[in-house]
Amino acid sequence: MFSLEYKLAIVTEYENAPNGEKGAILRREGLYSSHVIEWTRARDAGALSNGPADPATPSKRPKKTAEQVELEKLRRRNAKLEADLTKTRLALDIMGKAHALLEELSESAENDEPPTTS
């Protein structure tokens, strides 16, 4: 079973995550979206509250600030764009070499005399 603190932390993290990140949270924790839906309904109904929280008791995971979430998102995007740029440069290099090869083949074909038939 999951503790109340864990359920509340996951619901909060899930709700604060951008749409593309929600599945990653579920995979990381080994959960299904039905868990989060059920826990959200329980929280909204007041079933997950166990009285006032004790500020001296730390939660399992510290909550991320909006700036931290945005920074992580931008770092992931930057890494993806860097990878895309590397692929594009490699493709352009290959296309340049292929173009040079085709030019060379075309020039050599123009210089050859066509075979004569008897």
C-alpha atoms as a PDB file:
ATOM      1  CA  MET A   1       0.000   0.000   0.000  1.00  0.00           C
ATOM      2  CA  PHE A   2       1.030   3.598  -0.543  1.00  0.00           C
ATOM      3  CA  SER A   3       1.300   6.096   2.291  1.00  0.00           C
ATOM      4  CA  LEU A   4      -0.863   9.198   2.389  1.00  0.00           C
ATOM      5  CA  GLU A   5       2.217  11.402   2.011  1.00  0.00           C
ATOM      6  CA  TYR A   6       3.356   9.470  -1.054  1.00  0.00           C
ATOM      7  CA  LYS A   7      -0.073   9.680  -2.692  1.00  0.00           C
ATOM      8  CA  LEU A   8      -0.321  13.412  -2.070  1.00  0.00           C
ATOM      9  CA  ALA A   9       3.228  13.999  -3.336  1.00  0.00           C
ATOM     10  CA  ILE A  10       2.596  12.042  -6.544  1.00  0.00           C
ATOM     11  CA  VAL A  11      -0.756  13.769  -7.185  1.00  0.00           C
ATOM     12  CA  THR A  12       0.882  17.164  -6.685  1.00  0.00           C
ATOM     13  CA  GLU A  13       3.864  16.336  -8.902  1.00  0.00           C
ATOM     14  CA  TYR A  14       1.584  14.874 -11.573  1.00  0.00           C
ATOM     15  CA  GLU A  15      -0.694  17.911 -11.591  1.00  0.00           C
ATOM     16  CA  ASN A  16       2.252  20.333 -11.787  1.00  0.00           C
ATOM     17  CA  ALA A  17       3.990  18.447 -14.604  1.00  0.00           C
ATOM     18  CA  PRO A  18       3.602  19.626 -18.212  1.00  0.00           C
ATOM     19  CA  ASN A  19       1.422  17.368 -20.352  1.00  0.00           C
ATOM     20  CA  GLY A  20       4.360  15.620 -22.023  1.00  0.00           C
ATOM     21  CA  GLU A  21       5.974  14.805 -18.678  1.00  0.00           C
ATOM     22  CA  LYS A  22       3.089  13.098 -16.904  1.00  0.00           C
ATOM     23  CA  GLY A  23       3.717   9.698 -18.451  1.00  0.00           C
ATOM     24  CA  ALA A  24       7.356   9.844 -17.364  1.00  0.00           C
ATOM     25  CA  ILE A  25       6.272  10.274 -13.738  1.00  0.00           C
ATOM     26  CA  LEU A  26       3.977   7.259 -13.990  1.00  0.00           C
ATOM     27  CA  ARG A  27       6.711   5.118 -15.575  1.00  0.00           C
ATOM     28  CA  ARG A  28       9.304   6.227 -13.028  1.00  0.00           C
ATOM     29  CA  GLU A  29       7.029   5.316 -10.127  1.00  0.00           C
ATOM     30  CA  GLY A  30       5.557   2.185 -11.725  1.00  0.00           C
ATOM     31  CA  LEU A  31       2.022   3.559 -11.497  1.00  0.00           C
ATOM     32  CA  TYR A  32      -1.017   3.707 -13.738  1.00  0.00           C
ATOM     33  CA  SER A  33      -2.987   6.842 -14.507  1.00  0.00           C
ATOM     34  CA  SER A  34      -5.937   5.225 -12.686  1.00  0.00           C
ATOM     35  CA  HIS A  35      -3.901   5.435  -9.458  1.00  0.00           C
ATOM     36  CA  VAL A  36      -3.503   9.187  -9.833  1.00  0.00           C
ATOM     37  CA  ILE A  37      -7.147   9.644 -10.789  1.00  0.00           C
ATOM     38  CA  GLU A  38      -8.295   7.645  -7.766  1.00  0.00           C
ATOM     39  CA  TRP A  39      -5.926   9.495  -5.418  1.00  0.00           C
ATOM     40  CA  THR A  40      -6.968  12.877  -6.835  1.00  0.00           C
ATOM     41  CA  ARG A  41     -10.640  12.075  -6.245  1.00  0.00           C
ATOM     42  CA  ALA A  42      -9.847  10.890  -2.720  1.00  0.00           C
ATOM     43  CA  ARG A  43      -7.867  14.068  -2.027  1.00  0.00           C
ATOM     44  CA  ASP A  44     -10.639  16.271  -3.376  1.00  0.00           C
ATOM     45  CA  ALA A  45     -13.162  14.402  -1.212  1.00  0.00           C
ATOM     46  CA  GLY A  46     -10.926  14.950   1.833  1.00  0.00           C
ATOM     47  CA  ALA A  47     -10.083  11.273   2.296  1.00  0.00           C
ATOM     48  CA  LEU A  48      -6.325  11.811   1.894  1.00  0.00           C
ATOM     49  CA  SER A  49      -6.008  14.524   4.511  1.00  0.00           C
ATOM     50  CA  ASN A  50      -4.761  13.315   7.862  1.00  0.00           C
ATOM     51  CA  GLY A  51      -5.072  16.551   9.765  1.00  0.00           C
ATOM     52  CA  PRO A  52      -2.621  19.443   9.711  1.00  0.00           C
ATOM     53  CA  ALA A  53       0.763  18.530   8.289  1.00  0.00           C
ATOM     54  CA  ASP A  54       3.714  18.634  10.656  1.00  0.00           C
ATOM     55  CA  PRO A  55       6.311  20.991   9.114  1.00  0.00           C
ATOM     56  CA  ALA A  56       9.090  19.147  10.967  1.00  0.00           C
ATOM     57  CA  THR A  57       8.337  15.958   9.020  1.00  0.00           C
ATOM     58  CA  PRO A  58      10.045  16.137   5.626  1.00  0.00           C
ATOM     59  CA  SER A  59       8.284  14.638   2.629  1.00  0.00           C
ATOM     60  CA  LYS A  60       9.940  11.857   0.650  1.00  0.00           C
ATOM     61  CA  ARG A  61      10.766  14.157  -2.258  1.00  0.00           C
ATOM     62  CA  PRO A  62      11.285  17.872  -2.119  1.00  0.00           C
ATOM     63  CA  LYS A  63       8.842  19.777  -4.295  1.00  0.00           C
ATOM     64  CA  LYS A  64      10.316  21.417  -7.347  1.00  0.00           C
ATOM     65  CA  THR A  65       9.828  25.084  -7.894  1.00  0.00           C
ATOM     66  CA  ALA A  66       8.360  26.354 -11.140  1.00  0.00           C
ATOM     67  CA  GLU A  67      11.829  27.581 -12.118  1.00  0.00           C
ATOM     68  CA  GLN A  68      13.349  24.137 -11.546  1.00  0.00           C
ATOM     69  CA  VAL A  69      10.634  22.467 -13.618  1.00  0.00           C
ATOM     70  CA  GLU A  70      11.119  25.017 -16.411  1.00  0.00           C
ATOM     71  CA  LEU A  71      14.906  24.607 -16.266  1.00  0.00           C
ATOM     72  CA  GLU A  72      14.642  20.817 -16.570  1.00  0.00           C
ATOM     73  CA  LYS A  73      12.230  21.192 -19.481  1.00  0.00           C
ATOM     74  CA  LEU A  74      14.574  23.619 -21.258  1.00  0.00           C
ATOM     75  CA  ARG A  75      17.583  21.359 -20.668  1.00  0.00           C
ATOM     76  CA  ARG A  76      15.746  18.379 -22.182  1.00  0.00           C
ATOM     77  CA  ARG A  77      14.673  20.511 -25.158  1.00  0.00           C
ATOM     78  CA  ASN A  78      18.222  21.811 -25.610  1.00  0.00           C
ATOM     79  CA  ALA A  79      19.610  18.252 -25.576  1.00  0.00           C
ATOM     80  CA  LYS A  80      17.043  17.188 -28.191  1.00  0.00           C
ATOM     81  CA  LEU A  81      17.843  20.161 -30.404  1.00  0.00           C
ATOM     82  CA  GLU A  82      21.592  19.473 -30.097  1.00  0.00           C
ATOM     83  CA  ALA A  83      20.989  15.875 -31.180  1.00  0.00           C
ATOM     84  CA  ASP A  84      18.842  17.066 -34.110  1.00  0.00           C
ATOM     85  CA  LEU A  85      21.566  19.527 -35.146  1.00  0.00           C
ATOM     86  CA  THR A  86      24.186  16.773 -35.088  1.00  0.00           C
ATOM     87  CA  LYS A  87      21.972  14.562 -37.285  1.00  0.00           C
ATOM     88  CA  THR A  88      21.344  17.426 -39.709  1.00  0.00           C
ATOM     89  CA  ARG A  89      25.057  18.202 -40.019  1.00  0.00           C
ATOM     90  CA  LEU A  90      25.822  14.539 -40.652  1.00  0.00           C
ATOM     91  CA  ALA A  91      23.089  14.344 -43.304  1.00  0.00           C
ATOM     92  CA  LEU A  92      24.400  17.471 -45.037  1.00  0.00           C
ATOM     93  CA  ASP A  93      27.922  16.056 -45.032  1.00  0.00           C
ATOM     94  CA  ILE A  94      26.673  12.821 -46.599  1.00  0.00           C
ATOM     95  CA  MET A  95      24.640  14.737 -49.195  1.00  0.00           C
ATOM     96  CA  GLY A  96      27.688  16.830 -50.103  1.00  0.00           C
ATOM     97  CA  LYS A  97      29.799  13.724 -50.608  1.00  0.00           C
ATOM     98  CA  ALA A  98      27.071  12.072 -52.666  1.00  0.00           C
ATOM     99  CA  HIS A  99      26.764  15.190 -54.827  1.00  0.00           C
ATOM    100  CA  ALA A 100      30.524  15.257 -55.431  1.00  0.00           C
ATOM    101  CA  LEU A 101      30.505  11.559 -56.343  1.00  0.00           C
ATOM    102  CA  LEU A 102      27.616  12.013 -58.790  1.00  0.00           C
ATOM    103  CA  GLU A 103      29.375  14.982 -60.395  1.00  0.00           C
ATOM    104  CA  GLU A 104      32.530  12.927 -60.824  1.00  0.00           C
ATOM    105  CA  LEU A 105      30.578  10.022 -62.343  1.00  0.00           C
ATOM    106  CA  SER A 106      28.752  12.398 -64.678  1.00  0.00           C
ATOM    107  CA  GLU A 107      32.014  13.961 -65.897  1.00  0.00           C
ATOM    108  CA  SER A 108      33.608  10.586 -66.485  1.00  0.00           C
ATOM    109  CA  ALA A 109      30.526   9.421 -68.406  1.00  0.00           C
ATOM    110  CA  GLU A 110      30.672  12.501 -70.646  1.00  0.00           C
ATOM    111  CA  ASN A 111      34.326  11.862 -71.448  1.00  0.00           C
ATOM    112  CA  ASP A 112      33.777   8.244 -72.428  1.00  0.00           C
ATOM    113  CA  GLU A 113      32.867   7.564 -76.034  1.00  0.00           C
ATOM    114  CA  PRO A 114      29.721   5.541 -76.546  1.00  0.00           C
ATOM    115  CA  PRO A 115      30.358   2.027 -77.782  1.00  0.00           C
ATOM    116  CA  THR A 116      30.030   1.567 -81.531  1.00  0.00           C
ATOM    117  CA  THR A 117      28.017  -1.286 -82.958  1.00  0.00           C
ATOM    118  CA  SER A 118      29.117  -3.090 -86.073  1.00  0.00           C
END
